[in-house]
């Protein structure tokens, strides 16, 4: 006795339907991805205009650093102390090394600071 098999005429439409579904889903993913990238490009153009307004954490005084959101007198003094002890920050991300500067706090600051 041979096992029952599906005829080619029945499996062909099923395969075509699955392929078209997969193609449609991948196109939707591409459209969503390109929509998310468009604001990022516009935002990066706006950052170059505001670059001169950013605070350089390598030369700013404690008073200037206090103007940043979430940075009080204590954090400002720790940033200056760290800079004097270990030298200038090479990247803005290195601010996280300073005690008390969390990733969340850094993300709030990253568009407002620079290193030169």
C-alpha atoms as a PDB file:
ATOM      1  CA  UNK A   1       0.000   0.000   0.000  1.00  0.00           C
ATOM      2  CA  UNK A   2       1.451   3.416  -0.945  1.00  0.00           C
ATOM      3  CA  UNK A   3       1.030   6.521   1.209  1.00  0.00           C
ATOM      4  CA  UNK A   4      -1.384   9.162  -0.095  1.00  0.00           C
ATOM      5  CA  UNK A   5       0.308  12.060  -1.864  1.00  0.00           C
ATOM      6  CA  UNK A   6      -0.936  15.467  -2.790  1.00  0.00           C
ATOM      7  CA  UNK A   7      -1.201  16.100  -6.454  1.00  0.00           C
ATOM      8  CA  UNK A   8       1.032  18.733  -7.987  1.00  0.00           C
ATOM      9  CA  UNK A   9      -2.019  20.737  -9.039  1.00  0.00           C
ATOM     10  CA  UNK A  10      -3.040  21.189  -5.375  1.00  0.00           C
ATOM     11  CA  UNK A  11       0.375  22.069  -3.907  1.00  0.00           C
ATOM     12  CA  UNK A  12       1.272  24.618  -6.569  1.00  0.00           C
ATOM     13  CA  UNK A  13      -1.344  27.222  -5.513  1.00  0.00           C
ATOM     14  CA  UNK A  14      -0.429  26.738  -1.848  1.00  0.00           C
ATOM     15  CA  UNK A  15       3.275  27.301  -2.558  1.00  0.00           C
ATOM     16  CA  UNK A  16       2.513  30.370  -4.687  1.00  0.00           C
ATOM     17  CA  UNK A  17       0.281  31.795  -1.948  1.00  0.00           C
ATOM     18  CA  UNK A  18       3.008  31.305   0.678  1.00  0.00           C
ATOM     19  CA  UNK A  19       5.653  32.890  -1.548  1.00  0.00           C
ATOM     20  CA  UNK A  20       3.462  35.903  -2.281  1.00  0.00           C
ATOM     21  CA  UNK A  21       2.706  36.282   1.439  1.00  0.00           C
ATOM     22  CA  UNK A  22       6.418  36.191   2.266  1.00  0.00           C
ATOM     23  CA  UNK A  23       7.177  38.743  -0.453  1.00  0.00           C
ATOM     24  CA  UNK A  24       4.406  41.046   0.772  1.00  0.00           C
ATOM     25  CA  UNK A  25       5.606  40.889   4.375  1.00  0.00           C
ATOM     26  CA  UNK A  26       9.191  41.639   3.375  1.00  0.00           C
ATOM     27  CA  UNK A  27       8.054  44.665   1.349  1.00  0.00           C
ATOM     28  CA  UNK A  28       6.061  45.969   4.310  1.00  0.00           C
ATOM     29  CA  UNK A  29       9.161  45.619   6.487  1.00  0.00           C
ATOM     30  CA  UNK A  30      11.209  47.623   3.958  1.00  0.00           C
ATOM     31  CA  UNK A  31       8.634  50.407   3.840  1.00  0.00           C
ATOM     32  CA  UNK A  32       8.496  50.646   7.633  1.00  0.00           C
ATOM     33  CA  UNK A  33      12.293  50.664   7.871  1.00  0.00           C
ATOM     34  CA  UNK A  34      12.685  53.481   5.337  1.00  0.00           C
ATOM     35  CA  UNK A  35      10.016  55.549   7.134  1.00  0.00           C
ATOM     36  CA  UNK A  36      11.990  55.305  10.371  1.00  0.00           C
ATOM     37  CA  UNK A  37      15.237  56.370   8.701  1.00  0.00           C
ATOM     38  CA  UNK A  38      13.853  59.544   7.155  1.00  0.00           C
ATOM     39  CA  UNK A  39      13.425  61.451  10.445  1.00  0.00           C
ATOM     40  CA  UNK A  40      16.890  60.378  11.565  1.00  0.00           C
ATOM     41  CA  UNK A  41      18.449  62.024   8.515  1.00  0.00           C
ATOM     42  CA  UNK A  42      16.518  65.219   9.127  1.00  0.00           C
ATOM     43  CA  UNK A  43      17.516  65.124  12.779  1.00  0.00           C
ATOM     44  CA  UNK A  44      21.221  64.733  11.998  1.00  0.00           C
ATOM     45  CA  UNK A  45      21.059  67.784   9.723  1.00  0.00           C
ATOM     46  CA  UNK A  46      19.553  69.770  12.591  1.00  0.00           C
ATOM     47  CA  UNK A  47      22.332  68.638  14.918  1.00  0.00           C
ATOM     48  CA  UNK A  48      25.025  70.207  12.723  1.00  0.00           C
ATOM     49  CA  UNK A  49      23.317  73.583  13.136  1.00  0.00           C
ATOM     50  CA  UNK A  50      23.206  73.129  16.926  1.00  0.00           C
ATOM     51  CA  UNK A  51      26.772  71.780  17.141  1.00  0.00           C
ATOM     52  CA  UNK A  52      28.108  75.212  18.078  1.00  0.00           C
ATOM     53  CA  UNK A  53      25.589  75.383  20.942  1.00  0.00           C
ATOM     54  CA  UNK A  54      26.768  72.107  22.459  1.00  0.00           C
ATOM     55  CA  UNK A  55      28.839  72.189  25.618  1.00  0.00           C
ATOM     56  CA  UNK A  56      32.357  70.820  25.220  1.00  0.00           C
ATOM     57  CA  UNK A  57      32.799  68.628  28.267  1.00  0.00           C
ATOM     58  CA  UNK A  58      36.586  68.837  27.939  1.00  0.00           C
ATOM     59  CA  UNK A  59      36.801  72.595  28.497  1.00  0.00           C
ATOM     60  CA  UNK A  60      33.548  73.519  30.253  1.00  0.00           C
ATOM     61  CA  UNK A  61      33.688  74.797  33.801  1.00  0.00           C
ATOM     62  CA  UNK A  62      31.596  73.252  36.547  1.00  0.00           C
ATOM     63  CA  UNK A  63      29.161  76.188  36.291  1.00  0.00           C
ATOM     64  CA  UNK A  64      28.693  75.588  32.553  1.00  0.00           C
ATOM     65  CA  UNK A  65      28.165  71.861  33.102  1.00  0.00           C
ATOM     66  CA  UNK A  66      25.469  72.611  35.669  1.00  0.00           C
ATOM     67  CA  UNK A  67      23.366  74.108  32.855  1.00  0.00           C
ATOM     68  CA  UNK A  68      22.921  70.606  31.431  1.00  0.00           C
ATOM     69  CA  UNK A  69      19.678  68.850  32.424  1.00  0.00           C
ATOM     70  CA  UNK A  70      20.150  66.459  35.328  1.00  0.00           C
ATOM     71  CA  UNK A  71      23.655  67.731  36.118  1.00  0.00           C
ATOM     72  CA  UNK A  72      23.869  69.468  39.451  1.00  0.00           C
ATOM     73  CA  UNK A  73      26.811  70.860  41.326  1.00  0.00           C
ATOM     74  CA  UNK A  74      28.017  67.417  42.462  1.00  0.00           C
ATOM     75  CA  UNK A  75      27.963  65.828  39.021  1.00  0.00           C
ATOM     76  CA  UNK A  76      29.591  68.883  37.449  1.00  0.00           C
ATOM     77  CA  UNK A  77      32.418  68.783  39.975  1.00  0.00           C
ATOM     78  CA  UNK A  78      32.895  65.034  39.423  1.00  0.00           C
ATOM     79  CA  UNK A  79      33.121  65.559  35.651  1.00  0.00           C
ATOM     80  CA  UNK A  80      35.757  68.294  36.054  1.00  0.00           C
ATOM     81  CA  UNK A  81      37.656  66.211  38.623  1.00  0.00           C
ATOM     82  CA  UNK A  82      37.649  63.160  36.354  1.00  0.00           C
ATOM     83  CA  UNK A  83      38.858  65.256  33.426  1.00  0.00           C
ATOM     84  CA  UNK A  84      41.690  66.764  35.479  1.00  0.00           C
ATOM     85  CA  UNK A  85      42.752  63.399  36.880  1.00  0.00           C
ATOM     86  CA  UNK A  86      42.558  61.227  33.749  1.00  0.00           C
ATOM     87  CA  UNK A  87      42.769  63.754  30.925  1.00  0.00           C
ATOM     88  CA  UNK A  88      40.212  64.846  28.347  1.00  0.00           C
ATOM     89  CA  UNK A  89      37.345  62.660  27.230  1.00  0.00           C
ATOM     90  CA  UNK A  90      38.021  61.162  23.808  1.00  0.00           C
ATOM     91  CA  UNK A  91      34.344  60.498  23.089  1.00  0.00           C
ATOM     92  CA  UNK A  92      31.142  61.803  24.624  1.00  0.00           C
ATOM     93  CA  UNK A  93      30.213  58.222  25.560  1.00  0.00           C
ATOM     94  CA  UNK A  94      33.175  58.152  27.966  1.00  0.00           C
ATOM     95  CA  UNK A  95      31.172  60.428  30.254  1.00  0.00           C
ATOM     96  CA  UNK A  96      29.520  57.241  31.542  1.00  0.00           C
ATOM     97  CA  UNK A  97      32.813  56.414  33.294  1.00  0.00           C
ATOM     98  CA  UNK A  98      32.170  59.262  35.744  1.00  0.00           C
ATOM     99  CA  UNK A  99      30.604  57.907  38.923  1.00  0.00           C
ATOM    100  CA  UNK A 100      26.856  58.495  38.973  1.00  0.00           C
ATOM    101  CA  UNK A 101      26.397  59.147  35.245  1.00  0.00           C
ATOM    102  CA  UNK A 102      24.070  56.362  34.174  1.00  0.00           C
ATOM    103  CA  UNK A 103      23.254  55.304  30.643  1.00  0.00           C
ATOM    104  CA  UNK A 104      19.833  56.944  30.990  1.00  0.00           C
ATOM    105  CA  UNK A 105      21.362  60.233  32.123  1.00  0.00           C
ATOM    106  CA  UNK A 106      23.927  60.115  29.298  1.00  0.00           C
ATOM    107  CA  UNK A 107      21.201  59.541  26.681  1.00  0.00           C
ATOM    108  CA  UNK A 108      19.494  62.716  27.918  1.00  0.00           C
ATOM    109  CA  UNK A 109      22.756  64.638  27.488  1.00  0.00           C
ATOM    110  CA  UNK A 110      24.302  63.212  24.313  1.00  0.00           C
ATOM    111  CA  UNK A 111      22.714  65.736  21.937  1.00  0.00           C
ATOM    112  CA  UNK A 112      23.796  68.622  24.158  1.00  0.00           C
ATOM    113  CA  UNK A 113      27.484  67.795  24.641  1.00  0.00           C
ATOM    114  CA  UNK A 114      30.567  67.408  22.487  1.00  0.00           C
ATOM    115  CA  UNK A 115      34.291  66.742  22.783  1.00  0.00           C
ATOM    116  CA  UNK A 116      36.803  68.534  20.600  1.00  0.00           C
END
